[in-house]
Amino acid sequence: MAQRKMEMMLKLVPNFRMSPDELTEATKLISTCEYQDFEDFMQKYGDPITSINPVTVALNTVAGWYEGLGILYYKRIADRQLIAEFFGYATVIDWEKMKPFVIGLRERTNPKVFEYFEHLAHEMNKWVEKGTSVIA
């Protein structure tokens, strides 16, 4: 049953249909952008709701991808250990980079925007802090 749910999500959620290269490129773009808070972000890159600036598109795309992964994690549809091993460190780093963007977007639109991404980042941070590894 969980396998069917995950397959359905992978087919239906647009951010899961991007290639690994597209995700990598979007993440690289995000890592190079500089902003202090949401207002600073909007001045430099435009309104994240209406702008087609590559940075705003990348942020929304990657945050949406993590949101989907966070839902799969939260609902226990995807293997938690596997998510942690593959994406643990990246999730924490990407959340810290995007947190001011997400917080500002929440204040402007909906307080639940990207809440599963935040939950996933907090869970992965626990995993990172424990130094969990399958390699002994």
N, C-alpha and C. Protein backbone atom coordinates (compact mmCIF):
# COMPACT_ATOMS: atom_id res chain seq x y z
N MET A 1 0.81 -1.19 0.00
CA MET A 1 0.00 0.00 0.00
C MET A 1 0.86 1.27 0.00
N ALA A 2 1.89 1.31 0.85
CA ALA A 2 2.77 2.47 0.91
C ALA A 2 3.49 2.67 -0.43
N GLN A 3 3.88 1.57 -1.04
CA GLN A 3 4.55 1.64 -2.35
C GLN A 3 3.64 2.28 -3.39
N ARG A 4 2.38 1.91 -3.42
CA ARG A 4 1.43 2.49 -4.38
C ARG A 4 1.21 3.97 -4.11
N LYS A 5 1.12 4.34 -2.84
CA LYS A 5 0.95 5.75 -2.49
C LYS A 5 2.16 6.56 -2.95
N MET A 6 3.35 6.02 -2.72
CA MET A 6 4.55 6.74 -3.13
C MET A 6 4.62 6.87 -4.64
N GLU A 7 4.29 5.81 -5.38
CA GLU A 7 4.29 5.87 -6.84
C GLU A 7 3.30 6.91 -7.34
N MET A 8 2.14 6.98 -6.71
CA MET A 8 1.14 7.96 -7.10
C MET A 8 1.66 9.38 -6.86
N MET A 9 2.28 9.61 -5.72
CA MET A 9 2.85 10.92 -5.42
C MET A 9 3.91 11.31 -6.44
N LEU A 10 4.77 10.36 -6.76
CA LEU A 10 5.84 10.64 -7.71
C LEU A 10 5.30 11.02 -9.09
N LYS A 11 4.18 10.46 -9.44
CA LYS A 11 3.57 10.77 -10.74
C LYS A 11 2.79 12.09 -10.71
N LEU A 12 2.17 12.40 -9.60
CA LEU A 12 1.28 13.54 -9.53
C LEU A 12 1.95 14.86 -9.16
N VAL A 13 2.96 14.81 -8.34
CA VAL A 13 3.57 16.04 -7.86
C VAL A 13 4.62 16.52 -8.87
N PRO A 14 4.39 17.70 -9.46
CA PRO A 14 5.30 18.18 -10.51
C PRO A 14 6.76 18.27 -10.09
N ASN A 15 7.02 18.69 -8.85
CA ASN A 15 8.41 18.83 -8.42
C ASN A 15 9.15 17.50 -8.33
N PHE A 16 8.42 16.40 -8.21
CA PHE A 16 9.07 15.09 -8.19
C PHE A 16 9.39 14.60 -9.60
N ARG A 17 8.84 15.25 -10.61
CA ARG A 17 9.09 14.81 -11.98
C ARG A 17 10.30 15.49 -12.61
N MET A 18 10.95 16.39 -11.89
CA MET A 18 12.13 17.01 -12.46
C MET A 18 13.30 16.03 -12.36
N SER A 19 14.24 16.22 -13.24
CA SER A 19 15.38 15.32 -13.26
C SER A 19 16.33 15.66 -12.11
N PRO A 20 17.18 14.71 -11.74
CA PRO A 20 18.19 15.02 -10.71
C PRO A 20 19.07 16.20 -11.10
N ASP A 21 19.37 16.33 -12.39
CA ASP A 21 20.19 17.46 -12.83
C ASP A 21 19.46 18.79 -12.63
N GLU A 22 18.17 18.81 -12.90
CA GLU A 22 17.39 20.04 -12.69
C GLU A 22 17.36 20.41 -11.21
N LEU A 23 17.17 19.42 -10.36
CA LEU A 23 17.16 19.68 -8.92
C LEU A 23 18.53 20.18 -8.46
N THR A 24 19.58 19.57 -8.96
CA THR A 24 20.94 19.99 -8.60
C THR A 24 21.20 21.43 -9.04
N GLU A 25 20.82 21.76 -10.26
CA GLU A 25 21.03 23.12 -10.77
C GLU A 25 20.24 24.15 -9.96
N ALA A 26 19.00 23.83 -9.62
CA ALA A 26 18.18 24.75 -8.82
C ALA A 26 18.81 24.93 -7.44
N THR A 27 19.28 23.85 -6.85
CA THR A 27 19.90 23.93 -5.53
C THR A 27 21.19 24.74 -5.58
N LYS A 28 21.99 24.57 -6.63
CA LYS A 28 23.21 25.37 -6.79
C LYS A 28 22.89 26.85 -6.89
N LEU A 29 21.86 27.17 -7.65
CA LEU A 29 21.46 28.57 -7.82
C LEU A 29 21.05 29.17 -6.46
N ILE A 30 20.32 28.42 -5.70
CA ILE A 30 19.89 28.89 -4.38
C ILE A 30 21.10 29.12 -3.47
N SER A 31 22.06 28.22 -3.54
CA SER A 31 23.23 28.34 -2.65
C SER A 31 24.06 29.58 -2.95
N THR A 32 23.94 30.13 -4.15
CA THR A 32 24.73 31.32 -4.51
C THR A 32 23.98 32.63 -4.27
N CYS A 33 22.68 32.57 -4.02
CA CYS A 33 21.96 33.83 -3.81
C CYS A 33 22.18 34.34 -2.40
N GLU A 34 22.16 35.64 -2.26
CA GLU A 34 22.42 36.28 -0.97
C GLU A 34 21.23 37.15 -0.61
N TYR A 35 20.68 36.94 0.59
CA TYR A 35 19.62 37.81 1.10
C TYR A 35 19.55 37.66 2.61
N GLN A 36 19.17 38.73 3.28
CA GLN A 36 19.12 38.74 4.74
C GLN A 36 17.78 38.29 5.29
N ASP A 37 16.71 38.73 4.62
CA ASP A 37 15.35 38.41 5.06
C ASP A 37 14.44 38.46 3.84
N PHE A 38 13.16 38.30 4.06
CA PHE A 38 12.21 38.24 2.95
C PHE A 38 12.17 39.55 2.17
N GLU A 39 12.19 40.67 2.85
CA GLU A 39 12.16 41.97 2.16
C GLU A 39 13.41 42.15 1.29
N ASP A 40 14.55 41.79 1.81
CA ASP A 40 15.79 41.85 1.04
C ASP A 40 15.70 40.92 -0.17
N PHE A 41 15.14 39.73 0.04
CA PHE A 41 14.95 38.80 -1.07
C PHE A 41 14.10 39.43 -2.16
N MET A 42 12.97 40.03 -1.77
CA MET A 42 12.06 40.62 -2.76
C MET A 42 12.72 41.77 -3.52
N GLN A 43 13.53 42.57 -2.84
CA GLN A 43 14.22 43.66 -3.52
C GLN A 43 15.22 43.14 -4.55
N LYS A 44 15.89 42.06 -4.21
CA LYS A 44 16.93 41.54 -5.11
C LYS A 44 16.39 40.63 -6.21
N TYR A 45 15.36 39.83 -5.89
CA TYR A 45 14.95 38.78 -6.81
C TYR A 45 13.48 38.86 -7.26
N GLY A 46 12.73 39.76 -6.66
CA GLY A 46 11.34 39.93 -7.05
C GLY A 46 10.37 39.16 -6.17
N ASP A 47 9.12 39.39 -6.42
CA ASP A 47 8.03 38.76 -5.67
C ASP A 47 8.01 37.27 -5.98
N PRO A 48 8.14 36.42 -4.96
CA PRO A 48 8.19 34.97 -5.21
C PRO A 48 6.88 34.38 -5.75
N ILE A 49 5.82 35.14 -5.67
CA ILE A 49 4.54 34.65 -6.18
C ILE A 49 4.38 34.96 -7.66
N THR A 50 4.88 36.12 -8.10
CA THR A 50 4.65 36.53 -9.49
C THR A 50 5.91 36.56 -10.34
N SER A 51 7.08 36.59 -9.71
CA SER A 51 8.33 36.75 -10.46
C SER A 51 8.72 35.46 -11.19
N ILE A 52 9.30 35.65 -12.36
CA ILE A 52 9.86 34.51 -13.08
C ILE A 52 11.39 34.55 -13.04
N ASN A 53 11.92 35.34 -12.12
CA ASN A 53 13.36 35.38 -11.90
C ASN A 53 13.83 33.95 -11.59
N PRO A 54 14.92 33.51 -12.20
CA PRO A 54 15.39 32.13 -11.96
C PRO A 54 15.58 31.78 -10.49
N VAL A 55 15.98 32.75 -9.66
CA VAL A 55 16.17 32.46 -8.23
C VAL A 55 14.84 32.19 -7.56
N THR A 56 13.81 33.01 -7.84
CA THR A 56 12.51 32.77 -7.21
C THR A 56 11.91 31.46 -7.68
N VAL A 57 12.09 31.15 -8.95
CA VAL A 57 11.60 29.88 -9.48
C VAL A 57 12.33 28.72 -8.80
N ALA A 58 13.65 28.83 -8.67
CA ALA A 58 14.45 27.78 -8.03
C ALA A 58 14.04 27.58 -6.58
N LEU A 59 13.86 28.66 -5.84
CA LEU A 59 13.47 28.54 -4.44
C LEU A 59 12.12 27.86 -4.29
N ASN A 60 11.16 28.29 -5.07
CA ASN A 60 9.83 27.65 -5.00
C ASN A 60 9.89 26.20 -5.43
N THR A 61 10.68 25.90 -6.43
CA THR A 61 10.79 24.53 -6.93
C THR A 61 11.44 23.61 -5.89
N VAL A 62 12.56 24.03 -5.34
CA VAL A 62 13.28 23.19 -4.38
C VAL A 62 12.48 23.08 -3.07
N ALA A 63 11.90 24.18 -2.62
CA ALA A 63 11.08 24.11 -1.41
C ALA A 63 9.88 23.19 -1.64
N GLY A 64 9.31 23.23 -2.83
CA GLY A 64 8.20 22.32 -3.16
C GLY A 64 8.64 20.87 -3.20
N TRP A 65 9.85 20.63 -3.68
CA TRP A 65 10.38 19.27 -3.70
C TRP A 65 10.56 18.75 -2.28
N TYR A 66 11.16 19.58 -1.42
CA TYR A 66 11.32 19.19 -0.03
C TYR A 66 9.97 19.04 0.68
N GLU A 67 9.00 19.86 0.31
CA GLU A 67 7.67 19.73 0.90
C GLU A 67 7.10 18.35 0.59
N GLY A 68 7.22 17.93 -0.66
CA GLY A 68 6.74 16.60 -1.04
C GLY A 68 7.48 15.50 -0.31
N LEU A 69 8.80 15.64 -0.23
CA LEU A 69 9.60 14.65 0.50
C LEU A 69 9.21 14.64 1.98
N GLY A 70 8.95 15.83 2.51
CA GLY A 70 8.52 15.93 3.90
C GLY A 70 7.18 15.25 4.15
N ILE A 71 6.27 15.35 3.21
CA ILE A 71 4.98 14.66 3.34
C ILE A 71 5.20 13.15 3.34
N LEU A 72 6.01 12.66 2.42
CA LEU A 72 6.30 11.22 2.37
C LEU A 72 6.95 10.77 3.67
N TYR A 73 7.82 11.59 4.23
CA TYR A 73 8.47 11.28 5.51
C TYR A 73 7.45 11.27 6.64
N TYR A 74 6.66 12.33 6.73
CA TYR A 74 5.70 12.49 7.82
C TYR A 74 4.65 11.37 7.82
N LYS A 75 4.20 11.00 6.64
CA LYS A 75 3.18 9.96 6.52
C LYS A 75 3.76 8.55 6.57
N ARG A 76 5.09 8.48 6.70
CA ARG A 76 5.80 7.20 6.76
C ARG A 76 5.58 6.34 5.51
N ILE A 77 5.47 7.03 4.39
CA ILE A 77 5.32 6.33 3.12
C ILE A 77 6.70 5.97 2.57
N ALA A 78 7.65 6.87 2.75
CA ALA A 78 9.02 6.61 2.31
C ALA A 78 9.85 6.18 3.52
N ASP A 79 10.85 5.37 3.27
CA ASP A 79 11.71 4.87 4.33
C ASP A 79 12.48 6.02 4.98
N ARG A 80 12.29 6.19 6.28
CA ARG A 80 12.91 7.29 7.01
C ARG A 80 14.43 7.23 7.00
N GLN A 81 14.98 6.05 7.22
CA GLN A 81 16.44 5.91 7.24
C GLN A 81 17.03 6.25 5.88
N LEU A 82 16.37 5.81 4.83
CA LEU A 82 16.86 6.08 3.48
C LEU A 82 16.84 7.58 3.19
N ILE A 83 15.76 8.24 3.56
CA ILE A 83 15.69 9.70 3.37
C ILE A 83 16.82 10.37 4.15
N ALA A 84 17.03 9.94 5.38
CA ALA A 84 18.08 10.54 6.20
C ALA A 84 19.45 10.32 5.58
N GLU A 85 19.71 9.12 5.12
CA GLU A 85 21.03 8.82 4.54
C GLU A 85 21.28 9.61 3.25
N PHE A 86 20.25 9.72 2.41
CA PHE A 86 20.42 10.42 1.14
C PHE A 86 20.35 11.93 1.28
N PHE A 87 19.42 12.43 2.08
CA PHE A 87 19.11 13.86 2.06
C PHE A 87 19.29 14.58 3.39
N GLY A 88 19.71 13.88 4.43
CA GLY A 88 19.79 14.48 5.76
C GLY A 88 20.55 15.78 5.82
N TYR A 89 21.81 15.74 5.45
CA TYR A 89 22.65 16.94 5.52
C TYR A 89 22.15 18.03 4.57
N ALA A 90 21.82 17.65 3.36
CA ALA A 90 21.35 18.62 2.37
C ALA A 90 20.07 19.31 2.83
N THR A 91 19.18 18.55 3.45
CA THR A 91 17.92 19.13 3.92
C THR A 91 18.19 20.21 4.95
N VAL A 92 19.06 19.94 5.89
CA VAL A 92 19.38 20.91 6.94
C VAL A 92 20.01 22.17 6.33
N ILE A 93 20.97 21.99 5.47
CA ILE A 93 21.66 23.12 4.83
C ILE A 93 20.68 23.94 3.99
N ASP A 94 19.87 23.27 3.18
CA ASP A 94 18.92 23.97 2.31
C ASP A 94 17.84 24.68 3.12
N TRP A 95 17.37 24.06 4.21
CA TRP A 95 16.38 24.72 5.05
C TRP A 95 16.95 26.01 5.64
N GLU A 96 18.17 25.95 6.16
CA GLU A 96 18.76 27.15 6.76
C GLU A 96 18.89 28.27 5.74
N LYS A 97 19.24 27.91 4.52
CA LYS A 97 19.38 28.91 3.45
C LYS A 97 18.02 29.50 3.08
N MET A 98 16.98 28.66 3.04
CA MET A 98 15.67 29.10 2.58
C MET A 98 14.73 29.56 3.69
N LYS A 99 15.11 29.36 4.92
CA LYS A 99 14.23 29.67 6.05
C LYS A 99 13.71 31.12 6.03
N PRO A 100 14.55 32.14 5.84
CA PRO A 100 14.02 33.51 5.80
C PRO A 100 12.99 33.70 4.67
N PHE A 101 13.25 33.06 3.55
CA PHE A 101 12.32 33.11 2.42
C PHE A 101 10.98 32.49 2.81
N VAL A 102 11.02 31.30 3.40
CA VAL A 102 9.79 30.58 3.76
C VAL A 102 9.02 31.33 4.84
N ILE A 103 9.71 31.82 5.85
CA ILE A 103 9.05 32.56 6.94
C ILE A 103 8.35 33.79 6.37
N GLY A 104 9.02 34.54 5.52
CA GLY A 104 8.40 35.72 4.90
C GLY A 104 7.22 35.36 4.02
N LEU A 105 7.36 34.27 3.28
CA LEU A 105 6.27 33.83 2.42
C LEU A 105 5.06 33.43 3.27
N ARG A 106 5.30 32.79 4.38
CA ARG A 106 4.21 32.44 5.29
C ARG A 106 3.48 33.68 5.81
N GLU A 107 4.26 34.67 6.21
CA GLU A 107 3.65 35.90 6.72
C GLU A 107 2.82 36.59 5.66
N ARG A 108 3.21 36.44 4.43
CA ARG A 108 2.53 37.12 3.32
C ARG A 108 1.36 36.32 2.76
N THR A 109 1.42 35.00 2.87
CA THR A 109 0.40 34.18 2.20
C THR A 109 -0.37 33.28 3.16
N ASN A 110 0.31 32.25 3.67
CA ASN A 110 -0.36 31.22 4.45
C ASN A 110 0.63 30.68 5.49
N PRO A 111 0.24 30.64 6.76
CA PRO A 111 1.19 30.18 7.79
C PRO A 111 1.61 28.72 7.67
N LYS A 112 0.97 27.96 6.79
CA LYS A 112 1.31 26.54 6.64
C LYS A 112 2.19 26.26 5.41
N VAL A 113 2.57 27.30 4.69
CA VAL A 113 3.38 27.12 3.49
C VAL A 113 4.68 26.40 3.85
N PHE A 114 4.94 25.32 3.16
CA PHE A 114 6.17 24.53 3.31
C PHE A 114 6.39 24.02 4.73
N GLU A 115 5.30 23.73 5.45
CA GLU A 115 5.44 23.23 6.82
C GLU A 115 6.06 21.83 6.88
N TYR A 116 5.81 21.00 5.87
CA TYR A 116 6.41 19.67 5.87
C TYR A 116 7.91 19.73 5.57
N PHE A 117 8.31 20.72 4.78
CA PHE A 117 9.74 20.95 4.54
C PHE A 117 10.41 21.31 5.87
N GLU A 118 9.80 22.20 6.64
CA GLU A 118 10.37 22.59 7.92
C GLU A 118 10.43 21.39 8.88
N HIS A 119 9.36 20.62 8.92
CA HIS A 119 9.34 19.44 9.78
C HIS A 119 10.45 18.46 9.39
N LEU A 120 10.58 18.22 8.10
CA LEU A 120 11.63 17.33 7.61
C LEU A 120 13.01 17.86 8.01
N ALA A 121 13.22 19.16 7.86
CA ALA A 121 14.52 19.74 8.22
C ALA A 121 14.82 19.55 9.70
N HIS A 122 13.82 19.75 10.55
CA HIS A 122 14.04 19.55 11.99
C HIS A 122 14.36 18.08 12.30
N GLU A 123 13.66 17.17 11.66
CA GLU A 123 13.92 15.75 11.88
C GLU A 123 15.31 15.36 11.37
N MET A 124 15.69 15.88 10.21
CA MET A 124 17.01 15.57 9.66
C MET A 124 18.10 16.20 10.51
N ASN A 125 17.82 17.36 11.11
CA ASN A 125 18.79 17.99 11.99
C ASN A 125 19.06 17.11 13.21
N LYS A 126 18.03 16.49 13.75
CA LYS A 126 18.22 15.54 14.86
C LYS A 126 19.14 14.40 14.41
N TRP A 127 18.90 13.90 13.22
CA TRP A 127 19.69 12.80 12.67
C TRP A 127 21.15 13.24 12.50
N VAL A 128 21.34 14.45 11.96
CA VAL A 128 22.70 14.97 11.75
C VAL A 128 23.42 15.16 13.09
N GLU A 129 22.71 15.73 14.07
CA GLU A 129 23.33 15.97 15.38
C GLU A 129 23.74 14.67 16.07
N LYS A 130 22.97 13.62 15.87
CA LYS A 130 23.33 12.32 16.46
C LYS A 130 24.50 11.69 15.73
N GLY A 131 24.80 12.17 14.53
CA GLY A 131 25.87 11.58 13.75
C GLY A 131 25.54 10.17 13.31
N THR A 132 24.26 9.92 13.10
CA THR A 132 23.79 8.59 12.74
C THR A 132 24.41 8.16 11.42
N SER A 133 24.84 6.93 11.39
CA SER A 133 25.41 6.36 10.18
C SER A 133 25.23 4.84 10.21
N VAL A 134 25.08 4.29 9.03
CA VAL A 134 24.99 2.83 8.95
C VAL A 134 26.37 2.21 8.85
N ILE A 135 27.39 3.04 8.65
CA ILE A 135 28.76 2.54 8.52
C ILE A 135 29.40 2.57 9.90
N ALA A 136 29.88 1.44 10.34
CA ALA A 136 30.52 1.38 11.67
C ALA A 136 32.01 1.44 11.55
